[in-house]
């Protein structure tokens, strides 16, 4: 009996962190998992990718923090979360379940973390379980639409230094 498999990707976007889990029914014979059933790959300081076995069959569900995608708040930013699904087409998500957990940050950074997590996880799934050509097509579609769907914004707040009110501003000097 073939057990379901999953791809799990962890990543950070600004201050919001998200971690999607993709589940599918197919099973590959070339899985390279350790005794705990997971494989971890280190990326940059901000992101790691972890792939783990999961026992849920894929039905095309997309959930964020245990809730359906159409309940993402705020309502104005909801279509930002739908972008990867609309760009790639719903047929790419038909046999997979995506569950995203997002913590930290504000509403906007969480929404951008969710959309990036969905995009990265579907590309990782196609790389591992489908074929390289399909993965490259998906990456090309996502990058041509919006590069931030796959690449995180690495700008961070610069720390404050002494001698001024901020990172670069200095206190005014008086000569008399």
N, C-alpha and C. Protein backbone atom coordinates (compact mmCIF):
# COMPACT_ATOMS: atom_id res chain seq x y z
N UNK A 1 0.85 -1.18 0.00
CA UNK A 1 0.00 0.00 0.00
C UNK A 1 0.88 1.24 0.00
N UNK A 2 0.62 2.13 -0.89
CA UNK A 2 1.42 3.35 -0.99
C UNK A 2 0.91 4.39 0.00
N UNK A 3 1.82 4.91 0.79
CA UNK A 3 1.43 5.93 1.77
C UNK A 3 1.66 7.31 1.17
N UNK A 4 0.92 8.31 1.63
CA UNK A 4 1.08 9.67 1.10
C UNK A 4 2.43 10.26 1.45
N UNK A 5 2.81 11.29 0.74
CA UNK A 5 4.08 11.96 0.96
C UNK A 5 3.87 13.46 0.99
N UNK A 6 4.86 14.18 1.47
CA UNK A 6 4.69 15.62 1.56
C UNK A 6 6.00 16.33 1.33
N UNK A 7 5.89 17.60 1.02
CA UNK A 7 7.03 18.50 0.92
C UNK A 7 6.76 19.61 1.90
N UNK A 8 7.72 19.91 2.76
CA UNK A 8 7.52 20.96 3.74
C UNK A 8 8.60 21.99 3.56
N UNK A 9 8.22 23.26 3.41
CA UNK A 9 9.17 24.36 3.20
C UNK A 9 8.99 25.38 4.31
N UNK A 10 10.08 25.80 4.91
CA UNK A 10 10.04 26.84 5.92
C UNK A 10 10.68 28.08 5.34
N UNK A 11 10.14 29.26 5.65
CA UNK A 11 10.74 30.47 5.14
C UNK A 11 10.27 31.68 5.91
N UNK A 12 11.01 32.78 5.80
CA UNK A 12 10.66 34.02 6.47
C UNK A 12 10.45 35.10 5.43
N UNK A 13 9.52 35.98 5.68
CA UNK A 13 9.29 37.14 4.83
C UNK A 13 9.18 38.33 5.75
N UNK A 14 10.12 39.24 5.68
CA UNK A 14 10.20 40.38 6.59
C UNK A 14 10.11 39.87 8.01
N UNK A 15 9.04 40.19 8.74
CA UNK A 15 8.94 39.69 10.10
C UNK A 15 7.94 38.56 10.22
N UNK A 16 7.23 38.24 9.16
CA UNK A 16 6.27 37.14 9.20
C UNK A 16 6.94 35.86 8.76
N UNK A 17 6.72 34.78 9.48
CA UNK A 17 7.26 33.48 9.11
C UNK A 17 6.12 32.59 8.66
N UNK A 18 6.38 31.79 7.66
CA UNK A 18 5.35 30.86 7.21
C UNK A 18 5.98 29.52 6.89
N UNK A 19 5.22 28.47 7.07
CA UNK A 19 5.71 27.13 6.77
C UNK A 19 4.58 26.32 6.15
N UNK A 20 4.65 26.09 4.83
CA UNK A 20 3.60 25.30 4.19
C UNK A 20 3.93 23.82 4.20
N UNK A 21 2.92 22.98 4.16
CA UNK A 21 3.08 21.54 4.03
C UNK A 21 2.24 21.12 2.83
N UNK A 22 2.84 20.44 1.88
CA UNK A 22 2.11 19.95 0.72
C UNK A 22 2.00 18.44 0.85
N UNK A 23 0.81 17.90 0.69
CA UNK A 23 0.59 16.46 0.79
C UNK A 23 0.09 15.93 -0.54
N UNK A 24 0.49 14.72 -0.87
CA UNK A 24 0.06 14.07 -2.10
C UNK A 24 -0.10 12.58 -1.83
N UNK A 25 -0.82 11.88 -2.70
CA UNK A 25 -1.06 10.46 -2.49
C UNK A 25 0.05 9.60 -3.06
N UNK A 26 0.78 10.07 -4.08
CA UNK A 26 1.79 9.25 -4.72
C UNK A 26 2.97 9.02 -3.78
N UNK A 27 3.75 7.94 -4.04
CA UNK A 27 4.92 7.65 -3.23
C UNK A 27 6.07 7.35 -4.17
N UNK A 28 7.19 7.94 -3.94
CA UNK A 28 8.37 7.75 -4.76
C UNK A 28 9.29 6.74 -4.10
N UNK A 29 10.01 5.96 -4.90
CA UNK A 29 10.91 4.96 -4.33
C UNK A 29 12.27 5.55 -3.99
N UNK A 30 12.56 6.77 -4.43
CA UNK A 30 13.87 7.36 -4.20
C UNK A 30 13.85 8.40 -3.08
N UNK A 31 13.00 8.20 -2.07
CA UNK A 31 12.95 9.13 -0.95
C UNK A 31 14.20 8.96 -0.08
N UNK A 32 14.81 10.05 0.31
CA UNK A 32 16.00 10.02 1.14
C UNK A 32 15.70 10.70 2.46
N UNK A 33 15.05 9.98 3.35
CA UNK A 33 14.68 10.54 4.64
C UNK A 33 15.48 9.84 5.73
N UNK A 34 15.72 10.54 6.83
CA UNK A 34 16.43 9.92 7.94
C UNK A 34 15.47 9.07 8.76
N UNK A 35 15.92 8.57 9.90
CA UNK A 35 15.10 7.66 10.70
C UNK A 35 13.86 8.35 11.26
N UNK A 36 13.86 9.68 11.34
CA UNK A 36 12.69 10.40 11.84
C UNK A 36 11.71 10.75 10.72
N UNK A 37 12.02 10.38 9.49
CA UNK A 37 11.12 10.64 8.38
C UNK A 37 11.20 12.06 7.85
N UNK A 38 12.34 12.73 8.01
CA UNK A 38 12.46 14.10 7.51
C UNK A 38 13.86 14.36 6.99
N UNK A 39 13.94 15.30 6.06
CA UNK A 39 15.22 15.72 5.50
C UNK A 39 15.27 17.23 5.54
N UNK A 40 16.32 17.80 6.09
CA UNK A 40 16.43 19.24 6.23
C UNK A 40 17.59 19.74 5.38
N UNK A 41 17.32 20.80 4.61
CA UNK A 41 18.35 21.45 3.81
C UNK A 41 18.48 22.89 4.29
N UNK A 42 19.68 23.34 4.56
CA UNK A 42 19.88 24.71 5.03
C UNK A 42 20.00 25.64 3.84
N UNK A 43 19.28 26.75 3.89
CA UNK A 43 19.38 27.77 2.86
C UNK A 43 20.17 28.94 3.40
N UNK A 44 19.65 30.15 3.20
CA UNK A 44 20.29 31.33 3.74
C UNK A 44 19.98 31.42 5.23
N UNK A 45 20.40 32.49 5.88
CA UNK A 45 20.11 32.66 7.30
C UNK A 45 18.62 32.79 7.55
N UNK A 46 17.86 33.26 6.56
CA UNK A 46 16.44 33.51 6.77
C UNK A 46 15.56 32.33 6.41
N UNK A 47 16.07 31.33 5.69
CA UNK A 47 15.16 30.28 5.24
C UNK A 47 15.79 28.91 5.34
N UNK A 48 14.98 27.92 5.68
CA UNK A 48 15.38 26.53 5.60
C UNK A 48 14.27 25.75 4.94
N UNK A 49 14.62 24.68 4.29
CA UNK A 49 13.63 23.83 3.65
C UNK A 49 13.64 22.49 4.36
N UNK A 50 12.48 22.03 4.76
CA UNK A 50 12.39 20.73 5.39
C UNK A 50 11.33 19.92 4.67
N UNK A 51 11.65 18.68 4.35
CA UNK A 51 10.69 17.80 3.70
C UNK A 51 10.38 16.68 4.68
N UNK A 52 9.11 16.38 4.86
CA UNK A 52 8.70 15.44 5.88
C UNK A 52 7.54 14.59 5.38
N UNK A 53 7.50 13.35 5.81
CA UNK A 53 6.38 12.48 5.45
C UNK A 53 5.13 12.94 6.19
N UNK A 54 4.00 12.86 5.51
CA UNK A 54 2.73 13.22 6.12
C UNK A 54 1.70 12.22 5.64
N UNK A 55 0.72 11.91 6.45
CA UNK A 55 -0.22 10.84 6.13
C UNK A 55 -1.55 11.34 5.59
N UNK A 56 -1.63 12.56 5.09
CA UNK A 56 -2.88 13.08 4.54
C UNK A 56 -2.86 13.01 3.02
N UNK A 57 -3.96 12.55 2.45
CA UNK A 57 -4.07 12.48 0.99
C UNK A 57 -4.39 13.87 0.43
N UNK A 58 -3.96 14.12 -0.80
CA UNK A 58 -4.19 15.43 -1.41
C UNK A 58 -5.56 15.54 -2.03
N UNK A 59 -6.28 16.61 -1.71
CA UNK A 59 -7.61 16.86 -2.26
C UNK A 59 -7.74 18.25 -2.87
N UNK A 60 -6.67 19.02 -2.89
CA UNK A 60 -6.74 20.36 -3.45
C UNK A 60 -7.08 21.43 -2.43
N UNK A 61 -6.90 21.15 -1.14
CA UNK A 61 -7.21 22.12 -0.10
C UNK A 61 -6.03 23.05 0.13
N UNK A 62 -6.32 24.31 0.41
CA UNK A 62 -5.31 25.28 0.82
C UNK A 62 -5.80 25.92 2.10
N UNK A 63 -5.06 25.71 3.20
CA UNK A 63 -5.47 26.25 4.50
C UNK A 63 -4.36 27.09 5.08
N UNK A 64 -4.74 28.16 5.76
CA UNK A 64 -3.80 29.06 6.43
C UNK A 64 -4.16 29.06 7.91
N UNK A 65 -3.24 28.62 8.74
CA UNK A 65 -3.46 28.49 10.19
C UNK A 65 -4.73 27.69 10.49
N UNK A 66 -4.97 26.65 9.72
CA UNK A 66 -6.11 25.78 9.93
C UNK A 66 -7.42 26.28 9.37
N UNK A 67 -7.44 27.43 8.72
CA UNK A 67 -8.66 27.99 8.15
C UNK A 67 -8.56 27.99 6.63
N UNK A 68 -9.69 27.91 5.93
CA UNK A 68 -9.65 27.96 4.46
C UNK A 68 -9.08 29.29 3.96
N UNK A 69 -8.58 29.26 2.74
CA UNK A 69 -7.91 30.42 2.16
C UNK A 69 -8.84 31.61 2.00
N UNK A 70 -10.14 31.36 1.82
CA UNK A 70 -11.07 32.47 1.61
C UNK A 70 -11.41 33.21 2.90
N UNK A 71 -10.86 32.79 4.05
CA UNK A 71 -11.08 33.49 5.31
C UNK A 71 -9.86 34.29 5.75
N UNK A 72 -8.86 34.44 4.87
CA UNK A 72 -7.65 35.20 5.22
C UNK A 72 -8.03 36.66 5.43
N UNK A 73 -7.55 37.23 6.52
CA UNK A 73 -7.81 38.63 6.85
C UNK A 73 -6.51 39.40 6.76
N UNK A 74 -6.48 40.65 6.39
CA UNK A 74 -7.57 41.52 6.00
C UNK A 74 -8.08 41.18 4.60
N UNK A 75 -9.31 41.54 4.36
CA UNK A 75 -9.99 41.18 3.13
C UNK A 75 -9.35 41.83 1.90
N UNK A 76 -8.80 43.04 2.09
CA UNK A 76 -8.19 43.77 0.97
C UNK A 76 -6.97 43.03 0.44
N UNK A 77 -6.20 42.40 1.33
CA UNK A 77 -4.98 41.70 0.92
C UNK A 77 -5.22 40.24 0.54
N UNK A 78 -6.46 39.78 0.58
CA UNK A 78 -6.76 38.38 0.31
C UNK A 78 -6.35 37.97 -1.11
N UNK A 79 -6.51 38.86 -2.08
CA UNK A 79 -6.18 38.50 -3.45
C UNK A 79 -4.68 38.40 -3.67
N UNK A 80 -3.87 38.99 -2.80
CA UNK A 80 -2.43 38.78 -2.86
C UNK A 80 -2.11 37.32 -2.57
N UNK A 81 -2.88 36.70 -1.67
CA UNK A 81 -2.67 35.29 -1.35
C UNK A 81 -3.11 34.40 -2.51
N UNK A 82 -4.14 34.83 -3.24
CA UNK A 82 -4.64 34.06 -4.37
C UNK A 82 -3.73 34.11 -5.59
N UNK A 83 -2.78 35.05 -5.64
CA UNK A 83 -1.97 35.26 -6.84
C UNK A 83 -1.26 34.00 -7.33
N UNK A 84 -0.55 33.23 -6.46
CA UNK A 84 0.11 32.03 -6.99
C UNK A 84 -0.87 31.03 -7.60
N UNK A 85 -2.05 30.90 -6.99
CA UNK A 85 -3.04 29.96 -7.52
C UNK A 85 -3.57 30.42 -8.87
N UNK A 86 -3.81 31.71 -9.01
CA UNK A 86 -4.37 32.23 -10.25
C UNK A 86 -3.33 32.26 -11.37
N UNK A 87 -2.07 32.53 -11.03
CA UNK A 87 -1.02 32.58 -12.05
C UNK A 87 -0.73 31.18 -12.59
N UNK A 88 -0.61 30.20 -11.70
CA UNK A 88 -0.26 28.85 -12.12
C UNK A 88 -1.46 28.05 -12.61
N UNK A 89 -2.64 28.40 -12.16
CA UNK A 89 -3.83 27.64 -12.53
C UNK A 89 -4.19 26.65 -11.43
N UNK A 90 -5.47 26.47 -11.21
CA UNK A 90 -5.93 25.59 -10.13
C UNK A 90 -5.65 24.12 -10.41
N UNK A 91 -5.41 23.75 -11.68
CA UNK A 91 -5.13 22.35 -11.99
C UNK A 91 -3.81 21.88 -11.39
N UNK A 92 -2.87 22.79 -11.16
CA UNK A 92 -1.59 22.43 -10.54
C UNK A 92 -1.76 22.07 -9.05
N UNK A 93 -2.83 22.58 -8.44
CA UNK A 93 -3.07 22.37 -7.02
C UNK A 93 -4.15 21.32 -6.77
N UNK A 94 -4.61 20.62 -7.82
CA UNK A 94 -5.77 19.73 -7.70
C UNK A 94 -5.51 18.53 -6.81
N UNK A 95 -4.31 17.93 -6.87
CA UNK A 95 -4.08 16.71 -6.10
C UNK A 95 -3.16 16.91 -4.90
N UNK A 96 -3.01 18.15 -4.46
CA UNK A 96 -2.16 18.42 -3.29
C UNK A 96 -2.93 19.23 -2.26
N UNK A 97 -2.59 19.03 -1.00
CA UNK A 97 -3.11 19.84 0.09
C UNK A 97 -1.98 20.75 0.54
N UNK A 98 -2.29 22.01 0.79
CA UNK A 98 -1.30 22.95 1.29
C UNK A 98 -1.82 23.51 2.60
N UNK A 99 -1.03 23.33 3.66
CA UNK A 99 -1.36 23.89 4.96
C UNK A 99 -0.24 24.84 5.35
N UNK A 100 -0.57 26.09 5.60
CA UNK A 100 0.42 27.12 5.92
C UNK A 100 0.20 27.58 7.34
N UNK A 101 1.27 27.62 8.12
CA UNK A 101 1.24 28.22 9.46
C UNK A 101 2.06 29.50 9.39
N UNK A 102 1.46 30.60 9.80
CA UNK A 102 2.17 31.88 9.74
C UNK A 102 2.09 32.54 11.11
N UNK A 103 3.25 33.05 11.58
CA UNK A 103 3.32 33.71 12.88
C UNK A 103 4.18 34.95 12.75
N UNK A 104 3.99 35.88 13.67
CA UNK A 104 4.83 37.06 13.75
C UNK A 104 4.49 38.10 12.71
N UNK A 105 5.06 39.29 12.89
CA UNK A 105 4.88 40.35 11.92
C UNK A 105 3.49 40.94 11.93
N UNK A 106 3.22 41.79 10.96
CA UNK A 106 1.91 42.41 10.82
C UNK A 106 1.10 41.72 9.74
N UNK A 107 -0.05 42.30 9.43
CA UNK A 107 -0.95 41.69 8.45
C UNK A 107 -0.30 41.61 7.07
N UNK A 108 0.31 42.70 6.63
CA UNK A 108 0.87 42.73 5.28
C UNK A 108 2.03 41.76 5.13
N UNK A 109 2.95 41.74 6.09
CA UNK A 109 4.09 40.83 5.98
C UNK A 109 3.64 39.38 6.08
N UNK A 110 2.59 39.10 6.84
CA UNK A 110 2.07 37.73 6.90
C UNK A 110 1.48 37.31 5.57
N UNK A 111 0.73 38.21 4.92
CA UNK A 111 0.13 37.89 3.62
C UNK A 111 1.22 37.63 2.59
N UNK A 112 2.27 38.45 2.58
CA UNK A 112 3.35 38.24 1.63
C UNK A 112 4.12 36.96 1.96
N UNK A 113 4.24 36.61 3.24
CA UNK A 113 4.89 35.36 3.62
C UNK A 113 4.06 34.16 3.16
N UNK A 114 2.74 34.26 3.26
CA UNK A 114 1.86 33.16 2.84
C UNK A 114 1.99 32.92 1.34
N UNK A 115 1.93 34.00 0.55
CA UNK A 115 1.98 33.83 -0.91
C UNK A 115 3.34 33.31 -1.35
N UNK A 116 4.40 33.73 -0.66
CA UNK A 116 5.71 33.23 -1.01
C UNK A 116 5.86 31.76 -0.61
N UNK A 117 5.29 31.39 0.54
CA UNK A 117 5.37 30.01 0.99
C UNK A 117 4.62 29.08 0.04
N UNK A 118 3.45 29.49 -0.42
CA UNK A 118 2.68 28.67 -1.36
C UNK A 118 3.46 28.49 -2.66
N UNK A 119 4.05 29.57 -3.16
CA UNK A 119 4.80 29.50 -4.42
C UNK A 119 6.02 28.60 -4.29
N UNK A 120 6.79 28.80 -3.22
CA UNK A 120 8.00 28.01 -3.04
C UNK A 120 7.68 26.53 -2.84
N UNK A 121 6.60 26.25 -2.12
CA UNK A 121 6.29 24.86 -1.82
C UNK A 121 5.79 24.12 -3.06
N UNK A 122 5.02 24.77 -3.93
CA UNK A 122 4.55 24.08 -5.13
C UNK A 122 5.72 23.84 -6.09
N UNK A 123 6.69 24.76 -6.14
CA UNK A 123 7.88 24.55 -6.96
C UNK A 123 8.71 23.40 -6.39
N UNK A 124 8.86 23.35 -5.06
CA UNK A 124 9.61 22.26 -4.43
C UNK A 124 8.92 20.91 -4.66
N UNK A 125 7.60 20.92 -4.63
CA UNK A 125 6.84 19.68 -4.87
C UNK A 125 7.07 19.19 -6.30
N UNK A 126 6.99 20.09 -7.27
CA UNK A 126 7.18 19.69 -8.66
C UNK A 126 8.62 19.25 -8.91
N UNK A 127 9.58 19.84 -8.20
CA UNK A 127 10.96 19.42 -8.37
C UNK A 127 11.17 18.02 -7.83
N UNK A 128 10.56 17.71 -6.70
CA UNK A 128 10.81 16.43 -6.06
C UNK A 128 9.98 15.30 -6.66
N UNK A 129 8.71 15.54 -6.96
CA UNK A 129 7.82 14.45 -7.30
C UNK A 129 7.33 14.43 -8.75
N UNK A 130 7.54 15.50 -9.51
CA UNK A 130 7.06 15.49 -10.90
C UNK A 130 8.29 15.42 -11.81
N UNK A 131 8.71 16.53 -12.41
CA UNK A 131 9.93 16.53 -13.20
C UNK A 131 10.52 17.93 -13.25
N UNK A 132 11.77 18.00 -13.68
CA UNK A 132 12.52 19.25 -13.68
C UNK A 132 11.96 20.25 -14.69
N UNK A 133 11.48 19.76 -15.81
CA UNK A 133 10.95 20.66 -16.84
C UNK A 133 9.69 21.38 -16.34
N UNK A 134 8.80 20.67 -15.68
CA UNK A 134 7.59 21.29 -15.12
C UNK A 134 7.95 22.31 -14.06
N UNK A 135 8.95 21.97 -13.23
CA UNK A 135 9.39 22.90 -12.19
C UNK A 135 9.92 24.18 -12.80
N UNK A 136 10.72 24.07 -13.87
CA UNK A 136 11.27 25.26 -14.51
C UNK A 136 10.18 26.11 -15.16
N UNK A 137 9.15 25.47 -15.71
CA UNK A 137 8.02 26.22 -16.27
C UNK A 137 7.30 27.00 -15.18
N UNK A 138 7.06 26.35 -14.04
CA UNK A 138 6.38 27.02 -12.92
C UNK A 138 7.21 28.20 -12.43
N UNK A 139 8.52 27.98 -12.25
CA UNK A 139 9.39 29.07 -11.79
C UNK A 139 9.37 30.24 -12.76
N UNK A 140 9.41 29.94 -14.06
CA UNK A 140 9.40 31.01 -15.06
C UNK A 140 8.09 31.79 -15.01
N UNK A 141 6.97 31.09 -14.87
CA UNK A 141 5.67 31.78 -14.76
C UNK A 141 5.63 32.69 -13.54
N UNK A 142 6.10 32.18 -12.41
CA UNK A 142 6.04 32.96 -11.17
C UNK A 142 6.98 34.16 -11.22
N UNK A 143 8.19 33.97 -11.73
CA UNK A 143 9.16 35.06 -11.77
C UNK A 143 8.74 36.14 -12.76
N UNK A 144 8.15 35.74 -13.89
CA UNK A 144 7.72 36.76 -14.84
C UNK A 144 6.54 37.56 -14.31
N UNK A 145 5.70 36.94 -13.48
CA UNK A 145 4.59 37.68 -12.89
C UNK A 145 5.08 38.60 -11.78
N UNK A 146 5.78 38.03 -10.79
CA UNK A 146 6.28 38.82 -9.66
C UNK A 146 7.42 38.04 -9.02
N UNK A 147 8.62 38.61 -9.04
CA UNK A 147 9.79 37.91 -8.53
C UNK A 147 9.71 37.65 -7.03
N UNK A 148 8.97 38.48 -6.29
CA UNK A 148 8.88 38.29 -4.84
C UNK A 148 8.05 37.07 -4.45
N UNK A 149 7.41 36.41 -5.43
CA UNK A 149 6.73 35.16 -5.12
C UNK A 149 7.72 34.06 -4.77
N UNK A 150 8.95 34.14 -5.29
CA UNK A 150 9.95 33.11 -5.01
C UNK A 150 11.16 33.63 -4.24
N UNK A 151 11.47 34.91 -4.37
CA UNK A 151 12.67 35.47 -3.76
C UNK A 151 12.27 36.43 -2.66
N UNK A 152 12.79 36.22 -1.46
CA UNK A 152 12.44 37.06 -0.32
C UNK A 152 13.10 38.43 -0.44
N UNK A 153 12.45 39.43 0.12
CA UNK A 153 13.01 40.78 0.18
C UNK A 153 13.99 40.81 1.34
N UNK A 154 15.27 41.00 1.05
CA UNK A 154 16.28 40.88 2.09
C UNK A 154 16.56 42.19 2.82
N UNK A 155 15.76 43.23 2.58
CA UNK A 155 16.00 44.49 3.27
C UNK A 155 15.52 44.38 4.71
N UNK A 156 16.36 44.77 5.64
CA UNK A 156 16.04 44.74 7.06
C UNK A 156 16.32 46.12 7.65
N UNK A 157 15.76 46.38 8.79
CA UNK A 157 15.95 47.67 9.45
C UNK A 157 17.38 47.78 9.96
N UNK A 158 18.03 48.90 9.66
CA UNK A 158 19.39 49.12 10.12
C UNK A 158 19.37 49.52 11.59
N UNK A 159 20.27 48.98 12.41
CA UNK A 159 20.24 49.31 13.84
C UNK A 159 20.68 50.74 14.12
N UNK A 160 20.15 51.30 15.19
CA UNK A 160 20.49 52.66 15.61
C UNK A 160 21.91 52.69 16.16
N UNK A 161 22.62 53.80 15.86
CA UNK A 161 23.95 54.00 16.40
C UNK A 161 23.94 55.18 17.37
N UNK A 162 25.03 55.30 18.13
CA UNK A 162 25.14 56.41 19.07
C UNK A 162 25.40 57.71 18.31
N UNK A 163 25.12 58.84 18.96
CA UNK A 163 25.39 60.16 18.37
C UNK A 163 24.26 60.69 17.52
N UNK A 164 23.13 60.05 17.55
CA UNK A 164 22.01 60.53 16.75
C UNK A 164 20.72 59.82 17.11
N UNK A 165 19.60 60.31 16.59
CA UNK A 165 18.30 59.72 16.93
C UNK A 165 17.98 58.45 16.14
N UNK A 166 18.75 58.15 15.08
CA UNK A 166 18.44 56.99 14.27
C UNK A 166 19.69 56.32 13.75
N UNK A 167 19.53 55.51 12.70
CA UNK A 167 20.64 54.75 12.16
C UNK A 167 21.66 55.65 11.46
N UNK A 168 21.19 56.65 10.71
CA UNK A 168 22.09 57.52 9.96
C UNK A 168 22.04 58.98 10.43
N UNK A 169 20.91 59.43 10.95
CA UNK A 169 20.75 60.84 11.34
C UNK A 169 21.64 61.15 12.55
N UNK A 170 22.20 62.35 12.57
CA UNK A 170 23.05 62.79 13.68
C UNK A 170 22.36 63.94 14.39
N UNK A 171 22.73 64.14 15.67
CA UNK A 171 22.21 65.28 16.40
C UNK A 171 22.82 66.55 15.82
N UNK A 172 22.05 67.66 15.87
CA UNK A 172 22.52 68.93 15.32
C UNK A 172 23.66 69.47 16.17
N UNK A 173 24.69 70.00 15.50
CA UNK A 173 25.85 70.53 16.21
C UNK A 173 25.76 72.04 16.28
N UNK A 174 26.02 72.59 17.46
CA UNK A 174 26.01 74.04 17.64
C UNK A 174 27.43 74.51 17.93
N UNK A 175 27.87 75.58 17.24
CA UNK A 175 29.22 76.10 17.44
C UNK A 175 29.25 77.21 18.47
N UNK A 176 28.13 77.82 18.83
CA UNK A 176 28.13 78.92 19.79
C UNK A 176 27.13 78.67 20.87
